[in-house]
Amino acid sequence: MAGKAGSCIVVCRSGVVAVYENVCPHISISLNIFDDQDLTDLLDDNLLVCSNHGARFRIVDGLCVSGPCQGKRLTSRSFSVLDSKLLITTGS
């Protein structure tokens, strides 16, 4: 299963928004197996969990803190908020 082209993970914690490409740095597949799947760690809501291999990523900076890609990061995406809408920057 390859990562869904162009899809992103959007997370908001304590008023801080983070946007990451929906690609696990372990083997470049989607973090979620199912659409609309909650990727928040059940024991620590400051972490995202890759549902394929269990890698755990800090929401604040995308750093993998445990799992097969420990030390690597999710790829962050630039975004802006306009009229209460989240606009994710496309391209490089």
PDB file of N, CA and C in Angstrom:
ATOM      1  N   MET A   1       0.850  -1.166   0.000  1.00  0.00           N
ATOM      2  CA  MET A   1       0.000   0.000   0.000  1.00  0.00           C
ATOM      3  C   MET A   1       0.896   1.230   0.000  1.00  0.00           C
ATOM      4  N   ALA A   2       0.810   2.037  -0.982  1.00  0.00           N
ATOM      5  CA  ALA A   2       1.604   3.265  -1.044  1.00  0.00           C
ATOM      6  C   ALA A   2       0.847   4.394  -0.365  1.00  0.00           C
ATOM      7  N   GLY A   3       1.569   5.430   0.069  1.00  0.00           N
ATOM      8  CA  GLY A   3       0.923   6.590   0.664  1.00  0.00           C
ATOM      9  C   GLY A   3      -0.029   7.233  -0.325  1.00  0.00           C
ATOM     10  N   LYS A   4      -1.135   7.725   0.182  1.00  0.00           N
ATOM     11  CA  LYS A   4      -2.115   8.378  -0.675  1.00  0.00           C
ATOM     12  C   LYS A   4      -1.517   9.679  -1.179  1.00  0.00           C
ATOM     13  N   ALA A   5      -1.408   9.824  -2.476  1.00  0.00           N
ATOM     14  CA  ALA A   5      -0.746  10.980  -3.073  1.00  0.00           C
ATOM     15  C   ALA A   5      -1.366  12.276  -2.586  1.00  0.00           C
ATOM     16  N   GLY A   6      -0.548  13.110  -1.993  1.00  0.00           N
ATOM     17  CA  GLY A   6      -0.978  14.438  -1.579  1.00  0.00           C
ATOM     18  C   GLY A   6      -1.772  14.496  -0.298  1.00  0.00           C
ATOM     19  N   SER A   7      -2.045  13.368   0.352  1.00  0.00           N
ATOM     20  CA  SER A   7      -2.840  13.438   1.574  1.00  0.00           C
ATOM     21  C   SER A   7      -1.964  13.872   2.746  1.00  0.00           C
ATOM     22  N   CYS A   8      -2.619  14.508   3.713  1.00  0.00           N
ATOM     23  CA  CYS A   8      -1.915  15.035   4.876  1.00  0.00           C
ATOM     24  C   CYS A   8      -2.629  14.635   6.157  1.00  0.00           C
ATOM     25  N   ILE A   9      -1.877  14.677   7.239  1.00  0.00           N
ATOM     26  CA  ILE A   9      -2.409  14.490   8.582  1.00  0.00           C
ATOM     27  C   ILE A   9      -2.413  15.880   9.222  1.00  0.00           C
ATOM     28  N   VAL A  10      -3.559  16.304   9.730  1.00  0.00           N
ATOM     29  CA  VAL A  10      -3.694  17.599  10.397  1.00  0.00           C
ATOM     30  C   VAL A  10      -4.043  17.326  11.850  1.00  0.00           C
ATOM     31  N   VAL A  11      -3.254  17.899  12.772  1.00  0.00           N
ATOM     32  CA  VAL A  11      -3.456  17.665  14.191  1.00  0.00           C
ATOM     33  C   VAL A  11      -3.464  19.007  14.918  1.00  0.00           C
ATOM     34  N   CYS A  12      -4.366  19.137  15.872  1.00  0.00           N
ATOM     35  CA  CYS A  12      -4.417  20.344  16.698  1.00  0.00           C
ATOM     36  C   CYS A  12      -4.377  19.924  18.159  1.00  0.00           C
ATOM     37  N   ARG A  13      -3.374  20.420  18.886  1.00  0.00           N
ATOM     38  CA  ARG A  13      -3.234  20.156  20.320  1.00  0.00           C
ATOM     39  C   ARG A  13      -2.984  21.480  21.021  1.00  0.00           C
ATOM     40  N   SER A  14      -3.803  21.778  22.005  1.00  0.00           N
ATOM     41  CA  SER A  14      -3.658  22.996  22.813  1.00  0.00           C
ATOM     42  C   SER A  14      -3.554  24.242  21.945  1.00  0.00           C
ATOM     43  N   GLY A  15      -4.327  24.287  20.864  1.00  0.00           N
ATOM     44  CA  GLY A  15      -4.351  25.449  19.992  1.00  0.00           C
ATOM     45  C   GLY A  15      -3.226  25.515  18.977  1.00  0.00           C
ATOM     46  N   VAL A  16      -2.328  24.538  18.999  1.00  0.00           N
ATOM     47  CA  VAL A  16      -1.224  24.489  18.042  1.00  0.00           C
ATOM     48  C   VAL A  16      -1.578  23.494  16.946  1.00  0.00           C
ATOM     49  N   VAL A  17      -1.455  23.926  15.689  1.00  0.00           N
ATOM     50  CA  VAL A  17      -1.784  23.078  14.543  1.00  0.00           C
ATOM     51  C   VAL A  17      -0.497  22.578  13.898  1.00  0.00           C
ATOM     52  N   ALA A  18      -0.485  21.290  13.564  1.00  0.00           N
ATOM     53  CA  ALA A  18       0.640  20.688  12.839  1.00  0.00           C
ATOM     54  C   ALA A  18       0.076  19.960  11.622  1.00  0.00           C
ATOM     55  N   VAL A  19       0.773  20.072  10.494  1.00  0.00           N
ATOM     56  CA  VAL A  19       0.363  19.398   9.266  1.00  0.00           C
ATOM     57  C   VAL A  19       1.559  18.601   8.744  1.00  0.00           C
ATOM     58  N   TYR A  20       1.336  17.311   8.523  1.00  0.00           N
ATOM     59  CA  TYR A  20       2.381  16.417   8.023  1.00  0.00           C
ATOM     60  C   TYR A  20       1.885  15.655   6.811  1.00  0.00           C
ATOM     61  N   GLU A  21       2.802  15.313   5.915  1.00  0.00           N
ATOM     62  CA  GLU A  21       2.451  14.422   4.816  1.00  0.00           C
ATOM     63  C   GLU A  21       2.065  13.072   5.415  1.00  0.00           C
ATOM     64  N   ASN A  22       1.077  12.432   4.826  1.00  0.00           N
ATOM     65  CA  ASN A  22       0.595  11.143   5.322  1.00  0.00           C
ATOM     66  C   ASN A  22       1.477  10.010   4.785  1.00  0.00           C
ATOM     67  N   VAL A  23       2.750  10.055   5.170  1.00  0.00           N
ATOM     68  CA  VAL A  23       3.720   9.059   4.716  1.00  0.00           C
ATOM     69  C   VAL A  23       4.645   8.721   5.888  1.00  0.00           C
ATOM     70  N   CYS A  24       4.695   7.452   6.238  1.00  0.00           N
ATOM     71  CA  CYS A  24       5.607   7.003   7.285  1.00  0.00           C
ATOM     72  C   CYS A  24       7.027   6.938   6.710  1.00  0.00           C
ATOM     73  N   PRO A  25       8.012   7.506   7.388  1.00  0.00           N
ATOM     74  CA  PRO A  25       9.383   7.473   6.868  1.00  0.00           C
ATOM     75  C   PRO A  25      10.018   6.085   6.917  1.00  0.00           C
ATOM     76  N   HIS A  26       9.355   5.125   7.515  1.00  0.00           N
ATOM     77  CA  HIS A  26       9.893   3.766   7.590  1.00  0.00           C
ATOM     78  C   HIS A  26       9.954   3.124   6.208  1.00  0.00           C
ATOM     79  N   ILE A  27       8.801   3.012   5.533  1.00  0.00           N
ATOM     80  CA  ILE A  27       8.802   2.433   4.180  1.00  0.00           C
ATOM     81  C   ILE A  27       7.851   3.172   3.239  1.00  0.00           C
ATOM     82  N   SER A  28       7.629   4.441   3.496  1.00  0.00           N
ATOM     83  CA  SER A  28       6.856   5.319   2.605  1.00  0.00           C
ATOM     84  C   SER A  28       5.450   4.805   2.288  1.00  0.00           C
ATOM     85  N   ILE A  29       4.720   4.417   3.333  1.00  0.00           N
ATOM     86  CA  ILE A  29       3.308   4.077   3.179  1.00  0.00           C
ATOM     87  C   ILE A  29       2.486   4.993   4.078  1.00  0.00           C
ATOM     88  N   SER A  30       1.179   5.030   3.851  1.00  0.00           N
ATOM     89  CA  SER A  30       0.297   5.882   4.654  1.00  0.00           C
ATOM     90  C   SER A  30       0.375   5.497   6.122  1.00  0.00           C
ATOM     91  N   LEU A  31       0.262   6.501   6.989  1.00  0.00           N
ATOM     92  CA  LEU A  31       0.235   6.247   8.425  1.00  0.00           C
ATOM     93  C   LEU A  31      -1.040   5.516   8.828  1.00  0.00           C
ATOM     94  N   ASN A  32      -2.117   5.795   8.117  1.00  0.00           N
ATOM     95  CA  ASN A  32      -3.400   5.182   8.455  1.00  0.00           C
ATOM     96  C   ASN A  32      -3.742   4.055   7.490  1.00  0.00           C
ATOM     97  N   ILE A  33      -4.346   3.002   8.034  1.00  0.00           N
ATOM     98  CA  ILE A  33      -4.825   1.906   7.205  1.00  0.00           C
ATOM     99  C   ILE A  33      -6.207   2.257   6.650  1.00  0.00           C
ATOM    100  N   PHE A  34      -7.031   2.881   7.485  1.00  0.00           N
ATOM    101  CA  PHE A  34      -8.395   3.231   7.107  1.00  0.00           C
ATOM    102  C   PHE A  34      -8.558   4.744   7.067  1.00  0.00           C
ATOM    103  N   ASP A  35      -9.364   5.252   6.130  1.00  0.00           N
ATOM    104  CA  ASP A  35      -9.670   6.675   6.089  1.00  0.00           C
ATOM    105  C   ASP A  35     -10.353   7.079   7.396  1.00  0.00           C
ATOM    106  N   ASP A  36     -10.146   8.312   7.815  1.00  0.00           N
ATOM    107  CA  ASP A  36     -10.736   8.863   9.040  1.00  0.00           C
ATOM    108  C   ASP A  36     -10.329   8.117  10.304  1.00  0.00           C
ATOM    109  N   GLN A  37      -9.212   7.416  10.267  1.00  0.00           N
ATOM    110  CA  GLN A  37      -8.711   6.688  11.429  1.00  0.00           C
ATOM    111  C   GLN A  37      -8.028   7.648  12.390  1.00  0.00           C
ATOM    112  N   ASP A  38      -8.307   7.504  13.681  1.00  0.00           N
ATOM    113  CA  ASP A  38      -7.644   8.322  14.696  1.00  0.00           C
ATOM    114  C   ASP A  38      -6.245   7.756  14.915  1.00  0.00           C
ATOM    115  N   LEU A  39      -5.225   8.563  14.668  1.00  0.00           N
ATOM    116  CA  LEU A  39      -3.837   8.113  14.795  1.00  0.00           C
ATOM    117  C   LEU A  39      -3.203   8.520  16.116  1.00  0.00           C
ATOM    118  N   THR A  40      -3.995   9.110  17.008  1.00  0.00           N
ATOM    119  CA  THR A  40      -3.462   9.532  18.290  1.00  0.00           C
ATOM    120  C   THR A  40      -3.177   8.312  19.163  1.00  0.00           C
ATOM    121  N   ASP A  41      -2.031   8.307  19.822  1.00  0.00           N
ATOM    122  CA  ASP A  41      -1.655   7.229  20.737  1.00  0.00           C
ATOM    123  C   ASP A  41      -2.661   7.186  21.893  1.00  0.00           C
ATOM    124  N   LEU A  42      -3.180   6.012  22.211  1.00  0.00           N
ATOM    125  CA  LEU A  42      -4.165   5.880  23.283  1.00  0.00           C
ATOM    126  C   LEU A  42      -3.594   6.203  24.661  1.00  0.00           C
ATOM    127  N   LEU A  43      -2.295   6.029  24.841  1.00  0.00           N
ATOM    128  CA  LEU A  43      -1.667   6.281  26.138  1.00  0.00           C
ATOM    129  C   LEU A  43      -1.061   7.672  26.256  1.00  0.00           C
ATOM    130  N   ASP A  44      -0.787   8.312  25.135  1.00  0.00           N
ATOM    131  CA  ASP A  44      -0.160   9.639  25.154  1.00  0.00           C
ATOM    132  C   ASP A  44      -0.691  10.438  23.971  1.00  0.00           C
ATOM    133  N   ASP A  45      -1.609  11.348  24.225  1.00  0.00           N
ATOM    134  CA  ASP A  45      -2.236  12.086  23.109  1.00  0.00           C
ATOM    135  C   ASP A  45      -1.325  13.152  22.513  1.00  0.00           C
ATOM    136  N   ASN A  46      -0.054  13.163  22.905  1.00  0.00           N
ATOM    137  CA  ASN A  46       0.937  14.033  22.277  1.00  0.00           C
ATOM    138  C   ASN A  46       1.708  13.298  21.184  1.00  0.00           C
ATOM    139  N   LEU A  47       1.303  12.050  20.917  1.00  0.00           N
ATOM    140  CA  LEU A  47       1.976  11.221  19.917  1.00  0.00           C
ATOM    141  C   LEU A  47       0.987  10.738  18.867  1.00  0.00           C
ATOM    142  N   LEU A  48       1.485  10.597  17.643  1.00  0.00           N
ATOM    143  CA  LEU A  48       0.755   9.924  16.571  1.00  0.00           C
ATOM    144  C   LEU A  48       1.352   8.541  16.400  1.00  0.00           C
ATOM    145  N   VAL A  49       0.525   7.570  16.018  1.00  0.00           N
ATOM    146  CA  VAL A  49       0.994   6.199  15.825  1.00  0.00           C
ATOM    147  C   VAL A  49       0.722   5.774  14.387  1.00  0.00           C
ATOM    148  N   CYS A  50       1.759   5.246  13.724  1.00  0.00           N
ATOM    149  CA  CYS A  50       1.582   4.648  12.408  1.00  0.00           C
ATOM    150  C   CYS A  50       0.839   3.328  12.617  1.00  0.00           C
ATOM    151  N   SER A  51      -0.331   3.199  12.007  1.00  0.00           N
ATOM    152  CA  SER A  51      -1.134   2.002  12.224  1.00  0.00           C
ATOM    153  C   SER A  51      -0.570   0.775  11.524  1.00  0.00           C
ATOM    154  N   ASN A  52       0.424   0.941  10.676  1.00  0.00           N
ATOM    155  CA  ASN A  52       1.018  -0.197   9.973  1.00  0.00           C
ATOM    156  C   ASN A  52       2.113  -0.895  10.787  1.00  0.00           C
ATOM    157  N   HIS A  53       2.995  -0.121  11.407  1.00  0.00           N
ATOM    158  CA  HIS A  53       4.131  -0.721  12.104  1.00  0.00           C
ATOM    159  C   HIS A  53       4.299  -0.235  13.542  1.00  0.00           C
ATOM    160  N   GLY A  54       3.407   0.635  14.002  1.00  0.00           N
ATOM    161  CA  GLY A  54       3.447   1.064  15.390  1.00  0.00           C
ATOM    162  C   GLY A  54       4.462   2.136  15.725  1.00  0.00           C
ATOM    163  N   ALA A  55       5.096   2.733  14.732  1.00  0.00           N
ATOM    164  CA  ALA A  55       6.034   3.828  15.011  1.00  0.00           C
ATOM    165  C   ALA A  55       5.273   4.969  15.674  1.00  0.00           C
ATOM    166  N   ARG A  56       5.910   5.634  16.638  1.00  0.00           N
ATOM    167  CA  ARG A  56       5.280   6.736  17.365  1.00  0.00           C
ATOM    168  C   ARG A  56       6.034   8.037  17.079  1.00  0.00           C
ATOM    169  N   PHE A  57       5.249   9.077  16.759  1.00  0.00           N
ATOM    170  CA  PHE A  57       5.807  10.371  16.363  1.00  0.00           C
ATOM    171  C   PHE A  57       5.280  11.467  17.279  1.00  0.00           C
ATOM    172  N   ARG A  58       6.178  12.363  17.712  1.00  0.00           N
ATOM    173  CA  ARG A  58       5.739  13.520  18.491  1.00  0.00           C
ATOM    174  C   ARG A  58       4.932  14.439  17.579  1.00  0.00           C
ATOM    175  N   ILE A  59       3.787  14.871  18.048  1.00  0.00           N
ATOM    176  CA  ILE A  59       2.947  15.768  17.260  1.00  0.00           C
ATOM    177  C   ILE A  59       3.641  17.110  17.064  1.00  0.00           C
ATOM    178  N   VAL A  60       4.328  17.594  18.061  1.00  0.00           N
ATOM    179  CA  VAL A  60       4.920  18.927  18.022  1.00  0.00           C
ATOM    180  C   VAL A  60       5.943  19.113  16.908  1.00  0.00           C
ATOM    181  N   ASP A  61       6.718  18.045  16.571  1.00  0.00           N
ATOM    182  CA  ASP A  61       7.765  18.210  15.556  1.00  0.00           C
ATOM    183  C   ASP A  61       7.899  17.028  14.595  1.00  0.00           C
ATOM    184  N   GLY A  62       7.055  15.995  14.740  1.00  0.00           N
ATOM    185  CA  GLY A  62       7.072  14.863  13.822  1.00  0.00           C
ATOM    186  C   GLY A  62       8.202  13.865  14.039  1.00  0.00           C
ATOM    187  N   LEU A  63       8.979  14.018  15.109  1.00  0.00           N
ATOM    188  CA  LEU A  63      10.100  13.120  15.379  1.00  0.00           C
ATOM    189  C   LEU A  63       9.601  11.743  15.816  1.00  0.00           C
ATOM    190  N   CYS A  64      10.140  10.693  15.211  1.00  0.00           N
ATOM    191  CA  CYS A  64       9.805   9.327  15.612  1.00  0.00           C
ATOM    192  C   CYS A  64      10.583   9.009  16.888  1.00  0.00           C
ATOM    193  N   VAL A  65       9.842   8.709  17.958  1.00  0.00           N
ATOM    194  CA  VAL A  65      10.475   8.445  19.246  1.00  0.00           C
ATOM    195  C   VAL A  65      10.526   6.961  19.582  1.00  0.00           C
ATOM    196  N   SER A  66       9.821   6.130  18.810  1.00  0.00           N
ATOM    197  CA  SER A  66       9.928   4.685  18.974  1.00  0.00           C
ATOM    198  C   SER A  66       9.410   3.996  17.718  1.00  0.00           C
ATOM    199  N   GLY A  67       9.958   2.814  17.466  1.00  0.00           N
ATOM    200  CA  GLY A  67       9.533   2.065  16.292  1.00  0.00           C
ATOM    201  C   GLY A  67      10.650   1.934  15.275  1.00  0.00           C
ATOM    202  N   PRO A  68      10.321   1.369  14.111  1.00  0.00           N
ATOM    203  CA  PRO A  68      11.350   1.032  13.126  1.00  0.00           C
ATOM    204  C   PRO A  68      12.034   2.226  12.463  1.00  0.00           C
ATOM    205  N   CYS A  69      11.488   3.419  12.612  1.00  0.00           N
ATOM    206  CA  CYS A  69      12.130   4.592  11.987  1.00  0.00           C
ATOM    207  C   CYS A  69      12.551   5.613  13.044  1.00  0.00           C
ATOM    208  N   GLN A  70      12.882   5.138  14.235  1.00  0.00           N
ATOM    209  CA  GLN A  70      13.263   6.015  15.335  1.00  0.00           C
ATOM    210  C   GLN A  70      14.357   6.984  14.904  1.00  0.00           C
ATOM    211  N   GLY A  71      14.159   8.261  15.241  1.00  0.00           N
ATOM    212  CA  GLY A  71      15.120   9.306  14.894  1.00  0.00           C
ATOM    213  C   GLY A  71      14.777  10.029  13.600  1.00  0.00           C
ATOM    214  N   LYS A  72      13.932   9.436  12.753  1.00  0.00           N
ATOM    215  CA  LYS A  72      13.488  10.108  11.527  1.00  0.00           C
ATOM    216  C   LYS A  72      12.269  10.959  11.844  1.00  0.00           C
ATOM    217  N   ARG A  73      11.865  11.791  10.887  1.00  0.00           N
ATOM    218  CA  ARG A  73      10.733  12.694  11.105  1.00  0.00           C
ATOM    219  C   ARG A  73       9.693  12.560  10.004  1.00  0.00           C
ATOM    220  N   LEU A  74       8.466  12.848  10.398  1.00  0.00           N
ATOM    221  CA  LEU A  74       7.424  13.044   9.402  1.00  0.00           C
ATOM    222  C   LEU A  74       7.761  14.311   8.637  1.00  0.00           C
ATOM    223  N   THR A  75       7.331  14.399   7.389  1.00  0.00           N
ATOM    224  CA  THR A  75       7.580  15.597   6.584  1.00  0.00           C
ATOM    225  C   THR A  75       6.475  16.611   6.854  1.00  0.00           C
ATOM    226  N   SER A  76       6.871  17.774   7.382  1.00  0.00           N
ATOM    227  CA  SER A  76       5.883  18.809   7.680  1.00  0.00           C
ATOM    228  C   SER A  76       5.501  19.557   6.408  1.00  0.00           C
ATOM    229  N   ARG A  77       4.312  20.114   6.412  1.00  0.00           N
ATOM    230  CA  ARG A  77       3.807  20.896   5.284  1.00  0.00           C
ATOM    231  C   ARG A  77       3.499  22.307   5.764  1.00  0.00           C
ATOM    232  N   SER A  78       3.793  23.269   4.926  1.00  0.00           N
ATOM    233  CA  SER A  78       3.464  24.662   5.222  1.00  0.00           C
ATOM    234  C   SER A  78       1.968  24.871   5.039  1.00  0.00           C
ATOM    235  N   PHE A  79       1.407  25.737   5.849  1.00  0.00           N
ATOM    236  CA  PHE A  79      -0.019  26.023   5.753  1.00  0.00           C
ATOM    237  C   PHE A  79      -0.293  27.429   6.263  1.00  0.00           C
ATOM    238  N   SER A  80      -1.483  27.905   5.971  1.00  0.00           N
ATOM    239  CA  SER A  80      -1.945  29.174   6.509  1.00  0.00           C
ATOM    240  C   SER A  80      -3.421  29.017   6.841  1.00  0.00           C
ATOM    241  N   VAL A  81      -3.931  29.952   7.619  1.00  0.00           N
ATOM    242  CA  VAL A  81      -5.352  29.958   7.960  1.00  0.00           C
ATOM    243  C   VAL A  81      -5.938  31.237   7.403  1.00  0.00           C
ATOM    244  N   LEU A  82      -6.996  31.085   6.612  1.00  0.00           N
ATOM    245  CA  LEU A  82      -7.660  32.225   5.994  1.00  0.00           C
ATOM    246  C   LEU A  82      -9.158  32.036   6.151  1.00  0.00           C
ATOM    247  N   ASP A  83      -9.812  33.002   6.780  1.00  0.00           N
ATOM    248  CA  ASP A  83     -11.259  32.929   6.997  1.00  0.00           C
ATOM    249  C   ASP A  83     -11.648  31.600   7.651  1.00  0.00           C
ATOM    250  N   SER A  84     -10.928  31.222   8.683  1.00  0.00           N
ATOM    251  CA  SER A  84     -11.177  29.981   9.447  1.00  0.00           C
ATOM    252  C   SER A  84     -11.002  28.706   8.623  1.00  0.00           C
ATOM    253  N   LYS A  85     -10.295  28.790   7.493  1.00  0.00           N
ATOM    254  CA  LYS A  85     -10.029  27.610   6.679  1.00  0.00           C
ATOM    255  C   LYS A  85      -8.533  27.358   6.653  1.00  0.00           C
ATOM    256  N   LEU A  86      -8.157  26.093   6.747  1.00  0.00           N
ATOM    257  CA  LEU A  86      -6.765  25.696   6.693  1.00  0.00           C
ATOM    258  C   LEU A  86      -6.366  25.510   5.241  1.00  0.00           C
ATOM    259  N   LEU A  87      -5.363  26.247   4.793  1.00  0.00           N
ATOM    260  CA  LEU A  87      -4.879  26.156   3.426  1.00  0.00           C
ATOM    261  C   LEU A  87      -3.476  25.556   3.454  1.00  0.00           C
ATOM    262  N   ILE A  88      -3.341  24.359   2.868  1.00  0.00           N
ATOM    263  CA  ILE A  88      -2.048  23.662   2.861  1.00  0.00           C
ATOM    264  C   ILE A  88      -1.320  24.032   1.577  1.00  0.00           C
ATOM    265  N   THR A  89      -0.068  24.458   1.713  1.00  0.00           N
ATOM    266  CA  THR A  89       0.734  24.865   0.577  1.00  0.00           C
ATOM    267  C   THR A  89       1.067  23.666  -0.291  1.00  0.00           C
ATOM    268  N   THR A  90       0.903  23.795  -1.599  1.00  0.00           N
ATOM    269  CA  THR A  90       1.237  22.712  -2.513  1.00  0.00           C
ATOM    270  C   THR A  90       2.588  22.993  -3.157  1.00  0.00           C
ATOM    271  N   GLY A  91       3.182  21.965  -3.746  1.00  0.00           N
ATOM    272  CA  GLY A  91       4.486  22.128  -4.409  1.00  0.00           C
ATOM    273  C   GLY A  91       5.593  22.178  -3.400  1.00  0.00           C
ATOM    274  N   SER A  92       6.795  22.602  -3.877  1.00  0.00           N
ATOM    275  CA  SER A  92       7.956  22.642  -2.987  1.00  0.00           C
ATOM    276  C   SER A  92       8.151  23.987  -2.399  1.00  0.00           C
TER     277      SER A  92
END
